[in-house]
Amino acid sequence: MDGNPGARVPLINEADATGQLAELYGRAKEVTGLDFVPDMFRLVSSRPELMGAMLAGFDGVFNHGKLPRQTRELISAWTSKVNQCPYCVGTHSFFLQAFGGSAELAKAIATADSPDDLPVDARTRVLLHLLTKLSRSAYRITDSDWQVARDAGWTDDDLLEAFFCAALFNFITRLVDGLGLGTSTTSSRISQQDLPGGAEAAAAG
C-alpha cells in the first residue's frame, strides 16, 4: 500500500499492483498520456471494477470527444473551481495549458468567482454560465437557458458533450474531495509537472 496525505482510503503503489489492477494502471497511463498513475485513479485501486468505470469515463471525454481538447479541459477546470476542488483545478489547469490554453486563463480560473471574470470570448462565457448552473442547480435549467447557448453558436451535440464532461467532473470532484485527496493544488502530481516544451513556451508568453 502507498499513502497520500489526507486520503481516507488505501492507495495501492504501482509497484505492488498485480493482475487486473496492473492492467488498469497501464491503461491509466495510456489514457492520460502520463508516465505515472494519477492519485485520482489510485483512490479506487482497492476496487478495480470502480477504477475501470472511472477510466472509461475519462477516456471517453478526453480522448474521443468532438469539442476541442482545450475546451474540454476548460470545462473540467472550471467545473472543478465551481465545486471548490483545488486538486482537480490544478490537474486540469495543467492540461488546459498543455493543449493550448494560456497561463493567464489558468491563473484566472484559480481566483474567479464567475465566468465573467475569465479571459474567454462571449460564446464560451455563455457555455460556462450554463455549466455553472448545471453544477449548482441543474434542476433549474430551462429550455430558455438551452436556447441561449444555441443562439451563442453551440449545437445540441456540443452541449451534450459539454454537459457530460461537466457532469463527470461533478462526480470526480465529489469523490476526490470526499475521500480526502482534493485539499490542495499541490497534492495533484500532474499540476507539478513541467508543461510540454511548446505549451510551456506559449504559457510563458
Protein backbone atom coordinates (compact mmCIF):
# COMPACT_ATOMS: atom_id res chain seq x y z
CA MET A 1 0.00 0.00 0.00
CA ASP A 2 1.02 3.60 -0.56
CA GLY A 3 -0.42 6.70 1.03
CA ASN A 4 -1.29 10.26 0.11
CA PRO A 5 -1.60 12.80 2.95
CA GLY A 6 -5.25 13.14 3.87
CA ALA A 7 -6.56 10.26 1.75
CA ARG A 8 -9.14 8.22 3.66
CA VAL A 9 -8.68 5.02 1.70
CA PRO A 10 -5.59 2.96 0.81
CA LEU A 11 -3.81 3.80 -2.43
CA ILE A 12 -2.00 0.83 -3.94
CA ASN A 13 1.50 1.58 -5.15
CA GLU A 14 2.15 0.94 -8.83
CA ALA A 15 4.98 -1.45 -7.91
CA ASP A 16 2.56 -3.53 -5.85
CA ALA A 17 -0.17 -3.81 -8.49
CA THR A 18 -0.80 -7.24 -9.98
CA GLY A 19 -3.32 -8.88 -12.27
CA GLN A 20 -6.34 -6.77 -13.21
CA LEU A 21 -5.11 -3.76 -11.26
CA ALA A 22 -1.74 -3.79 -13.02
CA GLU A 23 -3.58 -3.83 -16.35
CA LEU A 24 -5.75 -0.92 -15.26
CA TYR A 25 -2.71 1.05 -14.14
CA GLY A 26 -1.22 0.53 -17.58
CA ARG A 27 -4.48 1.69 -19.12
CA ALA A 28 -4.50 4.79 -16.89
CA LYS A 29 -1.12 5.80 -18.26
CA GLU A 30 -2.36 5.26 -21.81
CA VAL A 31 -5.49 7.38 -21.46
CA THR A 32 -3.75 10.22 -19.59
CA GLY A 33 -0.50 10.20 -21.56
CA LEU A 34 1.45 10.27 -18.29
CA ASP A 35 4.25 8.01 -17.09
CA PHE A 36 2.60 7.55 -13.69
CA VAL A 37 -0.89 6.76 -12.41
CA PRO A 38 -2.66 9.86 -11.07
CA ASP A 39 -3.80 9.52 -7.46
CA MET A 40 -7.38 10.24 -8.56
CA PHE A 41 -7.43 6.76 -10.08
CA ARG A 42 -5.47 5.20 -7.24
CA LEU A 43 -8.23 6.30 -4.86
CA VAL A 44 -10.27 3.36 -6.13
CA SER A 45 -7.33 0.98 -6.61
CA SER A 46 -8.69 -1.35 -3.93
CA ARG A 47 -11.80 -1.78 -6.13
CA PRO A 48 -10.64 -2.42 -9.71
CA GLU A 49 -14.20 -2.59 -11.05
CA LEU A 50 -14.76 1.01 -9.93
CA MET A 51 -11.46 2.10 -11.38
CA GLY A 52 -12.47 0.58 -14.70
CA ALA A 53 -15.61 2.72 -14.72
CA MET A 54 -13.60 5.87 -13.97
CA LEU A 55 -11.13 5.11 -16.75
CA ALA A 56 -13.95 4.55 -19.24
CA GLY A 57 -15.46 7.95 -18.42
CA PHE A 58 -12.12 9.76 -18.56
CA ASP A 59 -11.13 8.09 -21.83
CA GLY A 60 -14.49 8.82 -23.44
CA VAL A 61 -14.44 12.50 -22.53
CA PHE A 62 -10.80 13.34 -23.21
CA ASN A 63 -9.73 11.00 -25.99
CA HIS A 64 -12.85 10.63 -28.10
CA GLY A 65 -14.71 13.93 -27.88
CA LYS A 66 -15.65 16.29 -30.73
CA LEU A 67 -15.13 19.55 -28.87
CA PRO A 68 -11.54 20.86 -28.94
CA ARG A 69 -9.48 19.30 -26.16
CA GLN A 70 -8.72 22.79 -24.85
CA THR A 71 -12.48 23.40 -24.45
CA ARG A 72 -12.97 20.12 -22.61
CA GLU A 73 -10.09 20.93 -20.27
CA LEU A 74 -11.53 24.40 -19.65
CA ILE A 75 -14.88 22.83 -18.75
CA SER A 76 -13.15 20.39 -16.40
CA ALA A 77 -11.03 23.06 -14.71
CA TRP A 78 -13.95 25.47 -14.37
CA THR A 79 -16.34 22.82 -13.02
CA SER A 80 -13.65 21.87 -10.50
CA LYS A 81 -13.38 25.54 -9.46
CA VAL A 82 -17.16 25.81 -9.06
CA ASN A 83 -17.01 22.72 -6.83
CA GLN A 84 -14.01 24.13 -4.91
CA CYS A 85 -11.71 21.19 -5.61
CA PRO A 86 -8.12 22.54 -5.75
CA TYR A 87 -6.71 19.13 -6.72
CA CYS A 88 -8.80 18.96 -9.91
CA VAL A 89 -8.35 22.68 -10.67
CA GLY A 90 -4.59 22.14 -10.58
CA THR A 91 -4.73 18.98 -12.67
CA HIS A 92 -6.91 20.37 -15.43
CA SER A 93 -5.33 23.82 -15.46
CA PHE A 94 -2.14 21.93 -16.33
CA PHE A 95 -3.87 20.02 -19.13
CA LEU A 96 -5.62 23.22 -20.29
CA GLN A 97 -2.22 24.84 -20.87
CA ALA A 98 -0.76 21.65 -22.34
CA PHE A 99 -3.48 21.78 -25.01
CA GLY A 100 -3.08 25.43 -25.90
CA GLY A 101 -4.80 27.42 -23.15
CA SER A 102 -2.99 30.45 -21.80
CA ALA A 103 -1.31 30.81 -18.43
CA GLU A 104 -3.49 33.90 -17.97
CA LEU A 105 -6.64 31.78 -18.29
CA ALA A 106 -5.35 29.09 -15.94
CA LYS A 107 -4.47 31.71 -13.35
CA ALA A 108 -7.87 33.39 -13.71
CA ILE A 109 -9.71 30.11 -13.11
CA ALA A 110 -7.99 29.73 -9.74
CA THR A 111 -9.36 33.06 -8.47
CA ALA A 112 -12.52 33.75 -10.49
CA ASP A 113 -15.99 33.84 -8.95
CA SER A 114 -17.84 33.83 -12.26
CA PRO A 115 -17.24 33.06 -15.94
CA ASP A 116 -17.41 36.83 -16.39
CA ASP A 117 -14.03 37.02 -14.62
CA LEU A 118 -12.33 34.81 -17.22
CA PRO A 119 -10.46 35.95 -20.35
CA VAL A 120 -12.68 34.00 -22.76
CA ASP A 121 -14.90 35.01 -25.67
CA ALA A 122 -18.62 35.69 -25.31
CA ARG A 123 -19.62 32.34 -26.82
CA THR A 124 -17.50 30.42 -24.30
CA ARG A 125 -18.75 32.59 -21.44
CA VAL A 126 -22.35 31.63 -22.26
CA LEU A 127 -21.42 27.95 -22.14
CA LEU A 128 -19.60 28.27 -18.82
CA HIS A 129 -22.54 30.12 -17.26
CA LEU A 130 -24.83 27.27 -18.31
CA LEU A 131 -22.41 24.66 -16.94
CA THR A 132 -22.11 26.60 -13.68
CA LYS A 133 -25.87 26.30 -13.35
CA LEU A 134 -25.59 22.57 -14.12
CA SER A 135 -23.17 22.15 -11.21
CA ARG A 136 -25.03 24.31 -8.70
CA SER A 137 -28.69 23.76 -9.52
CA ALA A 138 -29.22 21.52 -12.54
CA TYR A 139 -32.93 21.20 -11.84
CA ARG A 140 -33.31 24.92 -12.60
CA ILE A 141 -32.01 24.67 -16.16
CA THR A 142 -34.76 25.64 -18.59
CA ASP A 143 -35.36 25.34 -22.31
CA SER A 144 -34.66 29.07 -22.46
CA ASP A 145 -31.21 28.50 -20.95
CA TRP A 146 -30.51 25.85 -23.57
CA GLN A 147 -31.70 28.18 -26.35
CA VAL A 148 -29.40 30.96 -25.17
CA ALA A 149 -26.48 28.57 -25.62
CA ARG A 150 -27.75 27.57 -29.07
CA ASP A 151 -28.07 31.22 -30.05
CA ALA A 152 -24.45 31.73 -28.96
CA GLY A 153 -23.40 29.14 -31.55
CA TRP A 154 -23.35 25.84 -29.63
CA THR A 155 -25.06 22.85 -31.25
CA ASP A 156 -27.12 20.30 -29.34
CA ASP A 157 -24.28 17.80 -29.84
CA ASP A 158 -21.77 20.31 -28.47
CA LEU A 159 -23.94 20.89 -25.43
CA LEU A 160 -24.48 17.18 -24.80
CA GLU A 161 -20.72 16.61 -24.75
CA ALA A 162 -20.13 19.69 -22.58
CA PHE A 163 -22.82 18.57 -20.12
CA PHE A 164 -21.35 15.07 -19.96
CA CYS A 165 -17.88 16.48 -19.30
CA ALA A 166 -19.12 18.82 -16.56
CA ALA A 167 -21.30 16.10 -15.03
CA LEU A 168 -18.31 13.74 -14.97
CA PHE A 169 -16.36 16.35 -13.03
CA ASN A 170 -19.19 16.90 -10.61
CA PHE A 171 -18.76 13.19 -9.86
CA ILE A 172 -14.95 13.23 -9.80
CA THR A 173 -14.63 16.30 -7.59
CA ARG A 174 -17.01 14.83 -5.03
CA LEU A 175 -15.07 11.56 -4.99
CA VAL A 176 -11.71 13.32 -4.72
CA ASP A 177 -12.86 15.76 -2.04
CA GLY A 178 -14.92 13.25 -0.09
CA LEU A 179 -12.04 10.78 0.09
CA GLY A 180 -9.64 13.48 1.27
CA LEU A 181 -7.48 13.99 -1.81
CA GLY A 182 -8.66 17.37 -3.03
CA THR A 183 -7.48 19.70 -0.27
CA SER A 184 -4.71 21.48 -2.23
CA THR A 185 -3.46 22.09 -5.74
CA THR A 186 -0.03 20.77 -4.86
CA SER A 187 -1.49 17.38 -3.89
CA SER A 188 -2.00 16.87 -7.63
CA ARG A 189 1.20 15.37 -9.05
CA ILE A 190 0.03 16.39 -12.51
CA SER A 191 -0.07 20.07 -11.55
CA GLN A 192 3.59 19.86 -10.54
CA GLN A 193 4.79 18.55 -13.92
CA ASP A 194 6.60 20.67 -16.48
CA LEU A 195 4.45 21.61 -19.42
CA PRO A 196 5.43 20.13 -22.78
CA GLY A 197 8.04 22.35 -24.47
CA GLY A 198 5.74 24.11 -26.90
CA ALA A 199 2.93 24.57 -24.39
CA GLU A 200 5.34 25.80 -21.74
CA ALA A 201 6.74 28.40 -24.09
CA ALA A 202 3.25 29.52 -25.10
CA ALA A 203 2.13 29.72 -21.47
CA ALA A 204 5.21 31.72 -20.54
CA GLY A 205 4.41 34.18 -23.30
